[in-house]
N, C-alpha and C. Protein backbone atom coordinates (compact mmCIF):
# COMPACT_ATOMS: atom_id res chain seq x y z
N TYR A 1 -59.88 -21.44 318.30
CA TYR A 1 -59.53 -22.40 319.34
C TYR A 1 -58.67 -21.74 320.42
N ARG A 2 -57.80 -20.82 320.01
CA ARG A 2 -57.00 -20.10 321.02
C ARG A 2 -57.90 -19.32 321.97
N SER A 3 -58.95 -18.71 321.42
CA SER A 3 -59.86 -17.92 322.26
C SER A 3 -60.60 -18.81 323.27
N ARG A 4 -60.66 -20.12 323.00
CA ARG A 4 -61.28 -21.07 323.93
C ARG A 4 -60.26 -21.65 324.90
N GLY A 5 -59.01 -21.16 324.86
CA GLY A 5 -57.99 -21.62 325.80
C GLY A 5 -57.23 -22.85 325.36
N LEU A 6 -57.37 -23.23 324.08
CA LEU A 6 -56.70 -24.43 323.58
C LEU A 6 -55.36 -24.10 322.92
N LYS A 7 -54.43 -25.00 323.08
CA LYS A 7 -53.17 -24.96 322.35
C LYS A 7 -53.28 -26.03 321.28
N GLY A 8 -52.46 -25.93 320.24
CA GLY A 8 -52.58 -26.97 319.24
C GLY A 8 -51.58 -26.90 318.11
N TYR A 9 -51.65 -27.93 317.28
CA TYR A 9 -50.83 -28.05 316.09
C TYR A 9 -51.70 -28.46 314.92
N HIS A 10 -51.36 -27.94 313.76
CA HIS A 10 -51.91 -28.47 312.51
C HIS A 10 -50.95 -29.59 312.12
N ALA A 11 -51.22 -30.78 312.59
CA ALA A 11 -50.24 -31.87 312.51
C ALA A 11 -50.68 -33.05 311.64
N GLU A 12 -51.96 -33.16 311.32
CA GLU A 12 -52.47 -34.25 310.49
C GLU A 12 -51.86 -35.61 310.82
N GLY A 13 -51.86 -35.97 312.06
CA GLY A 13 -51.34 -37.27 312.48
C GLY A 13 -49.91 -37.23 312.99
N GLY A 14 -49.21 -36.13 312.77
CA GLY A 14 -47.82 -36.03 313.21
C GLY A 14 -47.65 -36.18 314.71
N ILE A 15 -48.58 -35.64 315.47
CA ILE A 15 -48.51 -35.78 316.93
C ILE A 15 -48.72 -37.24 317.31
N LEU A 16 -49.71 -37.90 316.73
CA LEU A 16 -49.96 -39.31 317.09
C LEU A 16 -48.78 -40.20 316.70
N ARG A 17 -48.21 -39.98 315.52
CA ARG A 17 -47.05 -40.78 315.12
C ARG A 17 -45.86 -40.53 316.04
N THR A 18 -45.67 -39.27 316.44
CA THR A 18 -44.57 -38.95 317.36
C THR A 18 -44.80 -39.58 318.73
N LEU A 19 -46.02 -39.46 319.26
CA LEU A 19 -46.32 -40.08 320.55
C LEU A 19 -46.13 -41.59 320.48
N PHE A 20 -46.62 -42.20 319.41
CA PHE A 20 -46.47 -43.65 319.26
C PHE A 20 -45.00 -44.04 319.23
N ALA A 21 -44.19 -43.31 318.49
CA ALA A 21 -42.75 -43.64 318.40
C ALA A 21 -42.07 -43.50 319.75
N TYR A 22 -42.40 -42.45 320.50
CA TYR A 22 -41.86 -42.29 321.84
C TYR A 22 -42.30 -43.45 322.74
N LEU A 23 -43.59 -43.69 322.77
CA LEU A 23 -44.15 -44.65 323.71
C LEU A 23 -43.80 -46.10 323.38
N PHE A 24 -43.52 -46.37 322.11
CA PHE A 24 -43.22 -47.74 321.69
C PHE A 24 -41.79 -47.88 321.15
N TYR A 25 -40.93 -46.94 321.51
CA TYR A 25 -39.55 -46.96 321.01
C TYR A 25 -38.89 -48.32 321.25
N ASP A 26 -38.88 -48.77 322.48
CA ASP A 26 -38.22 -50.04 322.79
C ASP A 26 -38.97 -51.24 322.21
N VAL A 27 -40.29 -51.13 322.06
CA VAL A 27 -41.06 -52.22 321.46
C VAL A 27 -40.75 -52.31 319.96
N LEU A 28 -40.61 -51.17 319.32
CA LEU A 28 -40.26 -51.17 317.90
C LEU A 28 -38.93 -51.87 317.65
N PHE A 29 -38.01 -51.70 318.59
CA PHE A 29 -36.66 -52.23 318.39
C PHE A 29 -36.36 -53.49 319.20
N VAL A 30 -37.40 -54.13 319.73
CA VAL A 30 -37.20 -55.40 320.42
C VAL A 30 -36.74 -56.44 319.39
N TYR A 31 -35.96 -57.41 319.85
CA TYR A 31 -35.46 -58.42 318.92
C TYR A 31 -36.58 -59.33 318.44
N VAL A 32 -36.76 -59.36 317.15
CA VAL A 32 -37.64 -60.30 316.46
C VAL A 32 -36.82 -60.78 315.27
N PRO A 33 -36.72 -62.07 315.05
CA PRO A 33 -35.89 -62.58 313.95
C PRO A 33 -36.26 -61.98 312.59
N ASN A 34 -35.24 -61.62 311.85
CA ASN A 34 -35.35 -61.20 310.45
C ASN A 34 -36.03 -59.87 310.19
N VAL A 35 -36.20 -59.01 311.19
CA VAL A 35 -36.83 -57.72 310.92
C VAL A 35 -35.82 -56.57 310.88
N PHE A 36 -34.59 -56.86 311.25
CA PHE A 36 -33.54 -55.85 311.14
C PHE A 36 -32.41 -56.41 310.31
N GLN A 37 -32.10 -55.71 309.22
CA GLN A 37 -31.02 -56.14 308.35
C GLN A 37 -29.78 -55.27 308.52
N THR A 38 -29.99 -54.01 308.99
CA THR A 38 -28.85 -53.12 309.23
C THR A 38 -29.10 -52.36 310.53
N ALA A 39 -28.06 -51.79 311.05
CA ALA A 39 -28.17 -50.98 312.27
C ALA A 39 -28.75 -49.60 311.99
N TYR A 40 -28.99 -49.30 310.72
CA TYR A 40 -29.44 -47.96 310.34
C TYR A 40 -30.92 -47.89 310.00
N GLN A 41 -31.65 -48.95 310.23
CA GLN A 41 -33.08 -48.94 309.95
C GLN A 41 -33.81 -48.03 310.93
N THR A 42 -34.82 -47.31 310.42
CA THR A 42 -35.61 -46.44 311.28
C THR A 42 -36.81 -47.17 311.89
N CYS A 43 -37.05 -48.39 311.43
CA CYS A 43 -38.15 -49.19 311.97
C CYS A 43 -37.93 -50.65 311.56
N PRO A 44 -38.60 -51.57 312.23
CA PRO A 44 -38.50 -52.97 311.84
C PRO A 44 -39.18 -53.19 310.48
N LEU A 45 -38.69 -54.15 309.73
CA LEU A 45 -39.25 -54.42 308.40
C LEU A 45 -40.72 -54.82 308.44
N ASP A 46 -41.19 -55.34 309.55
CA ASP A 46 -42.58 -55.80 309.61
C ASP A 46 -43.56 -54.77 310.15
N LEU A 47 -43.10 -53.55 310.43
CA LEU A 47 -44.00 -52.54 311.01
C LEU A 47 -45.22 -52.30 310.14
N HIS A 48 -45.05 -52.31 308.84
CA HIS A 48 -46.15 -52.01 307.92
C HIS A 48 -46.89 -53.26 307.46
N THR A 49 -46.76 -54.33 308.22
CA THR A 49 -47.43 -55.58 307.88
C THR A 49 -48.34 -56.04 309.02
N ASP A 50 -49.12 -57.06 308.74
CA ASP A 50 -50.00 -57.64 309.77
C ASP A 50 -49.22 -58.45 310.81
N ALA A 51 -47.94 -58.70 310.54
CA ALA A 51 -47.12 -59.51 311.45
C ALA A 51 -46.59 -58.72 312.64
N PHE A 52 -46.57 -57.38 312.55
CA PHE A 52 -45.97 -56.56 313.60
C PHE A 52 -46.60 -56.81 314.97
N PHE A 53 -47.91 -56.67 315.06
CA PHE A 53 -48.59 -56.78 316.35
C PHE A 53 -48.47 -58.18 316.95
N PRO A 54 -48.81 -59.24 316.20
CA PRO A 54 -48.76 -60.57 316.84
C PRO A 54 -47.37 -61.01 317.27
N SER A 55 -46.34 -60.57 316.56
CA SER A 55 -44.99 -61.01 316.93
C SER A 55 -44.47 -60.27 318.16
N ARG A 56 -45.16 -59.23 318.60
CA ARG A 56 -44.77 -58.47 319.79
C ARG A 56 -45.95 -58.29 320.73
N ALA A 57 -46.94 -59.14 320.64
CA ALA A 57 -48.19 -58.96 321.39
C ALA A 57 -47.95 -58.77 322.89
N SER A 58 -47.08 -59.57 323.47
CA SER A 58 -46.83 -59.47 324.90
C SER A 58 -46.26 -58.10 325.27
N GLU A 59 -45.24 -57.66 324.53
CA GLU A 59 -44.60 -56.36 324.80
C GLU A 59 -45.57 -55.21 324.55
N ILE A 60 -46.35 -55.30 323.47
CA ILE A 60 -47.31 -54.24 323.15
C ILE A 60 -48.39 -54.16 324.22
N ASN A 61 -48.96 -55.30 324.60
CA ASN A 61 -50.02 -55.28 325.61
C ASN A 61 -49.51 -54.79 326.96
N HIS A 62 -48.28 -55.13 327.31
CA HIS A 62 -47.68 -54.63 328.55
C HIS A 62 -47.55 -53.10 328.48
N ARG A 63 -47.08 -52.59 327.34
CA ARG A 63 -46.93 -51.14 327.19
C ARG A 63 -48.28 -50.45 327.20
N LEU A 64 -49.28 -51.04 326.57
CA LEU A 64 -50.63 -50.45 326.58
C LEU A 64 -51.16 -50.36 328.00
N ALA A 65 -50.90 -51.36 328.82
CA ALA A 65 -51.33 -51.33 330.22
C ALA A 65 -50.60 -50.21 330.97
N GLU A 66 -49.31 -50.04 330.71
CA GLU A 66 -48.56 -48.94 331.35
C GLU A 66 -49.15 -47.59 330.97
N ILE A 67 -49.45 -47.41 329.68
CA ILE A 67 -50.03 -46.15 329.21
C ILE A 67 -51.39 -45.93 329.85
N ALA A 68 -52.23 -46.95 329.87
CA ALA A 68 -53.57 -46.84 330.47
C ALA A 68 -53.48 -46.49 331.94
N ASN A 69 -52.41 -46.93 332.61
CA ASN A 69 -52.22 -46.67 334.04
C ASN A 69 -51.48 -45.37 334.33
N GLY A 70 -51.24 -44.54 333.29
CA GLY A 70 -50.69 -43.21 333.52
C GLY A 70 -49.19 -43.06 333.43
N SER A 71 -48.49 -44.00 332.81
CA SER A 71 -47.03 -43.93 332.73
C SER A 71 -46.49 -43.27 331.46
N ALA A 72 -47.35 -42.74 330.62
CA ALA A 72 -46.91 -42.20 329.32
C ALA A 72 -45.87 -41.10 329.48
N ALA A 73 -46.09 -40.18 330.40
CA ALA A 73 -45.15 -39.06 330.56
C ALA A 73 -43.76 -39.56 330.94
N GLU A 74 -43.67 -40.51 331.83
CA GLU A 74 -42.37 -41.04 332.24
C GLU A 74 -41.68 -41.76 331.09
N ILE A 75 -42.43 -42.52 330.31
CA ILE A 75 -41.85 -43.22 329.16
C ILE A 75 -41.28 -42.20 328.18
N ILE A 76 -42.04 -41.14 327.91
CA ILE A 76 -41.58 -40.10 326.98
C ILE A 76 -40.34 -39.41 327.52
N ARG A 77 -40.32 -39.08 328.80
CA ARG A 77 -39.13 -38.42 329.40
C ARG A 77 -37.87 -39.27 329.21
N VAL A 78 -37.97 -40.56 329.46
CA VAL A 78 -36.81 -41.45 329.36
C VAL A 78 -36.29 -41.50 327.92
N VAL A 79 -37.19 -41.67 326.96
CA VAL A 79 -36.78 -41.74 325.56
C VAL A 79 -36.20 -40.40 325.11
N ASP A 80 -36.85 -39.31 325.50
CA ASP A 80 -36.39 -37.99 325.10
C ASP A 80 -34.99 -37.70 325.65
N GLU A 81 -34.78 -38.02 326.90
CA GLU A 81 -33.47 -37.78 327.52
C GLU A 81 -32.37 -38.57 326.82
N ARG A 82 -32.69 -39.77 326.41
CA ARG A 82 -31.70 -40.64 325.78
C ARG A 82 -31.48 -40.32 324.30
N GLU A 83 -32.51 -39.86 323.58
CA GLU A 83 -32.43 -39.79 322.12
C GLU A 83 -32.49 -38.40 321.50
N ARG A 84 -33.06 -37.40 322.18
CA ARG A 84 -33.29 -36.09 321.54
C ARG A 84 -32.01 -35.43 321.07
N GLN A 85 -31.00 -35.40 321.89
CA GLN A 85 -29.77 -34.71 321.50
C GLN A 85 -29.15 -35.33 320.25
N LYS A 86 -29.28 -36.64 320.11
CA LYS A 86 -28.75 -37.34 318.93
C LYS A 86 -29.70 -37.19 317.74
N ARG A 87 -30.96 -36.78 318.03
CA ARG A 87 -32.01 -36.71 317.00
C ARG A 87 -32.07 -38.03 316.22
N THR A 88 -32.15 -39.10 316.98
CA THR A 88 -32.18 -40.45 316.42
C THR A 88 -33.27 -40.56 315.36
N CYS A 89 -32.92 -41.13 314.23
CA CYS A 89 -33.89 -41.35 313.14
C CYS A 89 -34.74 -42.57 313.48
N ILE A 90 -35.98 -42.33 313.78
CA ILE A 90 -36.93 -43.40 314.05
C ILE A 90 -38.24 -43.01 313.40
N ILE A 91 -38.87 -43.96 312.80
CA ILE A 91 -40.12 -43.68 312.08
C ILE A 91 -41.12 -42.99 313.02
N GLY A 92 -41.70 -41.91 312.51
CA GLY A 92 -42.75 -41.23 313.24
C GLY A 92 -42.32 -40.06 314.11
N ILE A 93 -41.11 -40.10 314.65
CA ILE A 93 -40.72 -39.03 315.58
C ILE A 93 -40.37 -37.76 314.82
N ASN A 94 -40.99 -36.68 315.27
CA ASN A 94 -40.65 -35.35 314.79
C ASN A 94 -40.05 -34.63 315.99
N TRP A 95 -38.74 -34.44 315.96
CA TRP A 95 -38.03 -33.83 317.09
C TRP A 95 -38.35 -32.35 317.23
N ASP A 96 -39.09 -31.76 316.27
CA ASP A 96 -39.46 -30.35 316.37
C ASP A 96 -40.54 -30.11 317.41
N PHE A 97 -41.31 -31.15 317.76
CA PHE A 97 -42.29 -30.99 318.83
C PHE A 97 -41.54 -30.87 320.15
N GLU A 98 -41.86 -29.87 320.92
CA GLU A 98 -41.17 -29.63 322.19
C GLU A 98 -41.59 -30.66 323.25
N LEU A 99 -40.61 -31.06 324.05
CA LEU A 99 -40.88 -32.03 325.11
C LEU A 99 -41.99 -31.53 326.03
N GLY A 100 -41.96 -30.26 326.39
CA GLY A 100 -42.99 -29.71 327.27
C GLY A 100 -44.39 -29.88 326.71
N ASP A 101 -44.54 -29.64 325.40
CA ASP A 101 -45.85 -29.82 324.78
C ASP A 101 -46.26 -31.29 324.80
N LEU A 102 -45.33 -32.18 324.48
CA LEU A 102 -45.66 -33.61 324.48
C LEU A 102 -46.09 -34.09 325.86
N LEU A 103 -45.40 -33.60 326.90
CA LEU A 103 -45.77 -33.98 328.26
C LEU A 103 -47.14 -33.41 328.66
N GLU A 104 -47.39 -32.17 328.24
CA GLU A 104 -48.72 -31.58 328.49
C GLU A 104 -49.80 -32.41 327.79
N ILE A 105 -49.52 -32.78 326.55
CA ILE A 105 -50.49 -33.53 325.75
C ILE A 105 -50.83 -34.86 326.41
N VAL A 106 -49.83 -35.64 326.78
CA VAL A 106 -50.16 -36.94 327.40
C VAL A 106 -50.81 -36.75 328.76
N GLY A 107 -50.55 -35.62 329.40
CA GLY A 107 -51.22 -35.31 330.66
C GLY A 107 -52.69 -34.96 330.46
N CYS A 108 -53.05 -34.54 329.26
CA CYS A 108 -54.44 -34.19 328.95
C CYS A 108 -55.24 -35.38 328.42
N PHE A 109 -54.55 -36.41 327.96
CA PHE A 109 -55.22 -37.64 327.50
C PHE A 109 -55.65 -38.45 328.71
N GLU A 110 -56.81 -39.03 328.67
CA GLU A 110 -57.18 -40.05 329.65
C GLU A 110 -56.35 -41.27 329.27
N GLY A 111 -55.74 -41.94 330.23
CA GLY A 111 -54.80 -43.03 329.94
C GLY A 111 -55.35 -44.11 329.04
N GLN A 112 -56.58 -44.55 329.30
CA GLN A 112 -57.18 -45.60 328.48
C GLN A 112 -57.41 -45.12 327.05
N ALA A 113 -57.76 -43.86 326.88
CA ALA A 113 -57.98 -43.31 325.54
C ALA A 113 -56.67 -43.30 324.74
N LEU A 114 -55.58 -42.87 325.38
CA LEU A 114 -54.29 -42.88 324.71
C LEU A 114 -53.86 -44.30 324.37
N ALA A 115 -54.11 -45.23 325.27
CA ALA A 115 -53.78 -46.64 325.01
C ALA A 115 -54.59 -47.17 323.83
N THR A 116 -55.84 -46.80 323.73
CA THR A 116 -56.68 -47.23 322.61
C THR A 116 -56.13 -46.73 321.28
N VAL A 117 -55.76 -45.46 321.23
CA VAL A 117 -55.20 -44.88 320.01
C VAL A 117 -53.89 -45.59 319.65
N CYS A 118 -53.05 -45.84 320.64
CA CYS A 118 -51.77 -46.53 320.39
C CYS A 118 -51.99 -47.96 319.92
N LYS A 119 -52.99 -48.62 320.46
CA LYS A 119 -53.27 -50.00 320.03
C LYS A 119 -53.67 -50.04 318.56
N VAL A 120 -54.49 -49.09 318.14
CA VAL A 120 -54.88 -49.01 316.74
C VAL A 120 -53.65 -48.78 315.86
N MET A 121 -52.74 -47.90 316.30
CA MET A 121 -51.51 -47.64 315.54
C MET A 121 -50.66 -48.92 315.47
N ALA A 122 -50.55 -49.64 316.56
CA ALA A 122 -49.74 -50.86 316.58
C ALA A 122 -50.34 -51.96 315.70
N GLN A 123 -51.64 -52.01 315.65
CA GLN A 123 -52.30 -53.04 314.86
C GLN A 123 -52.23 -52.77 313.36
N GLU A 124 -52.30 -51.51 312.98
CA GLU A 124 -52.40 -51.17 311.56
C GLU A 124 -51.61 -49.91 311.22
N TYR A 125 -50.32 -49.91 311.53
CA TYR A 125 -49.52 -48.70 311.35
C TYR A 125 -49.58 -48.18 309.91
N ARG A 126 -49.47 -49.07 308.96
CA ARG A 126 -49.43 -48.66 307.55
C ARG A 126 -50.69 -47.92 307.12
N VAL A 127 -51.84 -48.46 307.44
CA VAL A 127 -53.08 -47.86 306.98
C VAL A 127 -53.58 -46.74 307.89
N ARG A 128 -53.03 -46.62 309.08
CA ARG A 128 -53.47 -45.57 310.01
C ARG A 128 -52.65 -44.29 309.90
N GLY A 129 -51.72 -44.24 308.95
CA GLY A 129 -50.91 -43.04 308.77
C GLY A 129 -51.71 -41.87 308.25
N GLY A 130 -52.76 -42.14 307.49
CA GLY A 130 -53.59 -41.08 306.94
C GLY A 130 -54.93 -41.03 307.63
N GLY A 131 -55.63 -39.93 307.40
CA GLY A 131 -56.99 -39.80 307.89
C GLY A 131 -57.14 -39.20 309.27
N VAL A 132 -56.03 -38.97 309.98
CA VAL A 132 -56.12 -38.35 311.31
C VAL A 132 -56.59 -36.90 311.11
N PRO A 133 -57.50 -36.42 311.94
CA PRO A 133 -57.97 -35.04 311.77
C PRO A 133 -56.83 -34.02 311.71
N ASP A 134 -57.09 -32.94 311.00
CA ASP A 134 -56.08 -31.92 310.70
C ASP A 134 -55.45 -31.29 311.95
N LEU A 135 -56.28 -30.92 312.90
CA LEU A 135 -55.80 -30.18 314.07
C LEU A 135 -55.78 -31.06 315.32
N PHE A 136 -54.68 -30.96 316.05
CA PHE A 136 -54.58 -31.63 317.35
C PHE A 136 -54.55 -30.51 318.38
N LEU A 137 -55.50 -30.51 319.29
CA LEU A 137 -55.65 -29.43 320.26
C LEU A 137 -55.71 -30.00 321.66
N TRP A 138 -55.28 -29.21 322.64
CA TRP A 138 -55.39 -29.64 324.02
C TRP A 138 -55.61 -28.47 324.94
N ASP A 139 -56.29 -28.74 326.03
CA ASP A 139 -56.58 -27.75 327.05
C ASP A 139 -55.95 -28.23 328.35
N LYS A 140 -54.87 -27.59 328.73
CA LYS A 140 -54.11 -27.99 329.92
C LYS A 140 -54.95 -27.84 331.19
N GLU A 141 -55.78 -26.81 331.25
CA GLU A 141 -56.60 -26.57 332.45
C GLU A 141 -57.69 -27.64 332.61
N LYS A 142 -58.36 -27.97 331.51
CA LYS A 142 -59.45 -28.94 331.56
C LYS A 142 -58.96 -30.38 331.41
N LYS A 143 -57.66 -30.54 331.13
CA LYS A 143 -57.08 -31.88 330.91
C LYS A 143 -57.87 -32.61 329.82
N GLU A 144 -57.90 -31.99 328.64
CA GLU A 144 -58.71 -32.53 327.56
C GLU A 144 -57.97 -32.38 326.23
N VAL A 145 -58.08 -33.39 325.37
CA VAL A 145 -57.59 -33.28 323.99
C VAL A 145 -58.79 -33.24 323.06
N VAL A 146 -58.60 -32.52 321.96
CA VAL A 146 -59.66 -32.37 320.96
C VAL A 146 -59.00 -32.49 319.58
N PHE A 147 -59.65 -33.20 318.69
CA PHE A 147 -59.21 -33.26 317.30
C PHE A 147 -60.22 -32.47 316.48
N ALA A 148 -59.74 -31.79 315.45
CA ALA A 148 -60.64 -31.05 314.57
C ALA A 148 -60.26 -31.32 313.12
N GLU A 149 -61.25 -31.69 312.35
CA GLU A 149 -61.09 -31.89 310.90
C GLU A 149 -61.65 -30.66 310.22
N VAL A 150 -60.84 -30.05 309.36
CA VAL A 150 -61.25 -28.84 308.67
C VAL A 150 -61.57 -29.18 307.22
N LYS A 151 -62.75 -28.77 306.80
CA LYS A 151 -63.22 -29.04 305.44
C LYS A 151 -63.72 -27.76 304.80
N SER A 152 -63.47 -27.63 303.50
CA SER A 152 -64.06 -26.52 302.76
C SER A 152 -65.51 -26.89 302.46
N GLU A 153 -66.26 -25.95 301.90
CA GLU A 153 -67.68 -26.22 301.67
C GLU A 153 -67.91 -27.33 300.65
N ASN A 154 -66.95 -27.60 299.78
CA ASN A 154 -67.11 -28.64 298.76
C ASN A 154 -66.43 -29.95 299.14
N ASP A 155 -65.78 -30.00 300.28
CA ASP A 155 -64.98 -31.16 300.69
C ASP A 155 -65.83 -32.12 301.52
N ARG A 156 -65.51 -33.42 301.41
CA ARG A 156 -66.22 -34.45 302.17
C ARG A 156 -65.21 -35.31 302.93
N LEU A 157 -65.67 -35.98 303.97
CA LEU A 157 -64.81 -36.88 304.73
C LEU A 157 -64.50 -38.13 303.91
N SER A 158 -63.22 -38.55 303.96
CA SER A 158 -62.83 -39.80 303.30
C SER A 158 -63.14 -40.96 304.24
N ASP A 159 -63.07 -42.16 303.72
CA ASP A 159 -63.31 -43.34 304.56
C ASP A 159 -62.29 -43.44 305.68
N THR A 160 -61.00 -43.13 305.38
CA THR A 160 -59.98 -43.20 306.44
C THR A 160 -60.22 -42.14 307.51
N GLN A 161 -60.71 -40.98 307.11
CA GLN A 161 -61.05 -39.95 308.10
C GLN A 161 -62.21 -40.39 308.97
N ARG A 162 -63.21 -40.99 308.36
CA ARG A 162 -64.36 -41.49 309.13
C ARG A 162 -63.92 -42.57 310.13
N LEU A 163 -63.00 -43.42 309.68
CA LEU A 163 -62.50 -44.48 310.55
C LEU A 163 -61.80 -43.89 311.78
N TRP A 164 -60.93 -42.89 311.57
CA TRP A 164 -60.24 -42.26 312.69
C TRP A 164 -61.23 -41.56 313.63
N ILE A 165 -62.21 -40.89 313.06
CA ILE A 165 -63.21 -40.22 313.89
C ILE A 165 -63.94 -41.25 314.75
N HIS A 166 -64.25 -42.40 314.17
CA HIS A 166 -64.90 -43.48 314.91
C HIS A 166 -63.99 -43.98 316.05
N VAL A 167 -62.71 -44.19 315.77
CA VAL A 167 -61.76 -44.66 316.79
C VAL A 167 -61.65 -43.64 317.91
N LEU A 168 -61.48 -42.38 317.55
CA LEU A 168 -61.28 -41.33 318.56
C LEU A 168 -62.52 -41.14 319.42
N THR A 169 -63.68 -41.03 318.79
CA THR A 169 -64.89 -40.82 319.59
C THR A 169 -65.21 -42.06 320.42
N GLY A 170 -64.91 -43.24 319.87
CA GLY A 170 -65.11 -44.47 320.63
C GLY A 170 -64.23 -44.55 321.86
N ALA A 171 -63.08 -43.86 321.81
CA ALA A 171 -62.19 -43.82 322.97
C ALA A 171 -62.54 -42.67 323.92
N GLY A 172 -63.62 -41.96 323.60
CA GLY A 172 -64.06 -40.86 324.47
C GLY A 172 -63.36 -39.54 324.19
N ILE A 173 -62.75 -39.41 323.03
CA ILE A 173 -62.03 -38.18 322.65
C ILE A 173 -62.94 -37.35 321.77
N ARG A 174 -63.02 -36.06 322.07
CA ARG A 174 -63.87 -35.16 321.30
C ARG A 174 -63.26 -34.89 319.93
N VAL A 175 -64.09 -34.95 318.90
CA VAL A 175 -63.68 -34.63 317.53
C VAL A 175 -64.69 -33.62 317.00
N GLU A 176 -64.17 -32.54 316.42
CA GLU A 176 -65.03 -31.52 315.83
C GLU A 176 -64.80 -31.46 314.33
N LEU A 177 -65.85 -31.21 313.61
CA LEU A 177 -65.77 -31.03 312.17
C LEU A 177 -66.03 -29.55 311.89
N CYS A 178 -65.05 -28.90 311.30
CA CYS A 178 -65.14 -27.47 311.03
C CYS A 178 -65.27 -27.23 309.53
N HIS A 179 -66.27 -26.48 309.16
CA HIS A 179 -66.44 -26.12 307.75
C HIS A 179 -65.89 -24.71 307.57
N ALA A 180 -64.79 -24.62 306.84
CA ALA A 180 -64.15 -23.32 306.59
C ALA A 180 -64.87 -22.63 305.43
N VAL A 181 -65.13 -21.36 305.62
CA VAL A 181 -65.78 -20.56 304.59
C VAL A 181 -64.90 -19.36 304.32
N ALA A 182 -64.56 -19.15 303.06
CA ALA A 182 -63.70 -18.02 302.69
C ALA A 182 -64.48 -16.72 302.85
N ARG A 183 -63.86 -15.74 303.50
CA ARG A 183 -64.49 -14.43 303.65
C ARG A 183 -64.32 -13.60 302.39
N GLU A 184 -63.18 -13.78 301.76
CA GLU A 184 -62.94 -13.07 300.51
C GLU A 184 -62.06 -13.94 299.62
N VAL A 185 -62.18 -13.74 298.36
CA VAL A 185 -61.37 -14.48 297.40
C VAL A 185 -60.44 -13.49 296.73
N ARG A 186 -59.16 -13.79 296.77
CA ARG A 186 -58.16 -12.93 296.13
C ARG A 186 -57.64 -13.60 294.88
N ILE A 187 -57.60 -12.88 293.84
CA ILE A 187 -57.06 -13.41 292.59
C ILE A 187 -55.66 -12.84 292.41
N VAL A 188 -54.71 -13.72 292.32
CA VAL A 188 -53.32 -13.32 292.18
C VAL A 188 -52.92 -13.57 290.74
N THR A 189 -52.39 -12.56 290.12
CA THR A 189 -51.91 -12.73 288.75
C THR A 189 -50.40 -12.58 288.72
N THR A 190 -49.78 -13.35 287.89
CA THR A 190 -48.32 -13.25 287.74
C THR A 190 -48.02 -12.86 286.30
N GLU A 191 -47.52 -11.69 286.14
CA GLU A 191 -47.19 -11.19 284.81
C GLU A 191 -45.77 -10.72 284.75
């Protein structure tokens, strides 16, 4: 992938969870009765339930429209400036991803495609944590993101992987399936 001019991470959903946490930071922490019991929670109690989306539908749909209209980079900059130095504990955010990479990434997503992915995360955060393709790649020059699922010759796609591939391709995002083949097998003995 490097030889094709792509940058990337072996993140298995880590990039999507981080982007979602950045882009929906204020939506996650909007006041909804009975979802916060302490000031130290990393997410609302209803995030992993079917109640999350409907109880914040207006805020979520407004944010999805902002993302679709190209505001993702600005939203990320604001949250990063306010929270990175404190390394605020919030579900999904991995502060090890560099701000520059995150800004490049959202710049390579078509706005509606990123909004579609975020909507799926908001609707079903609990079940969408798994199944995201192994590699997250982007091409800054072509303004394109690519996901790649890596499988050994004996491995098959799971239902959750198929679901993510369907969501991503339906949003116009390229997904590649790579079959890894071992060139040599090394036997390591410990004596």
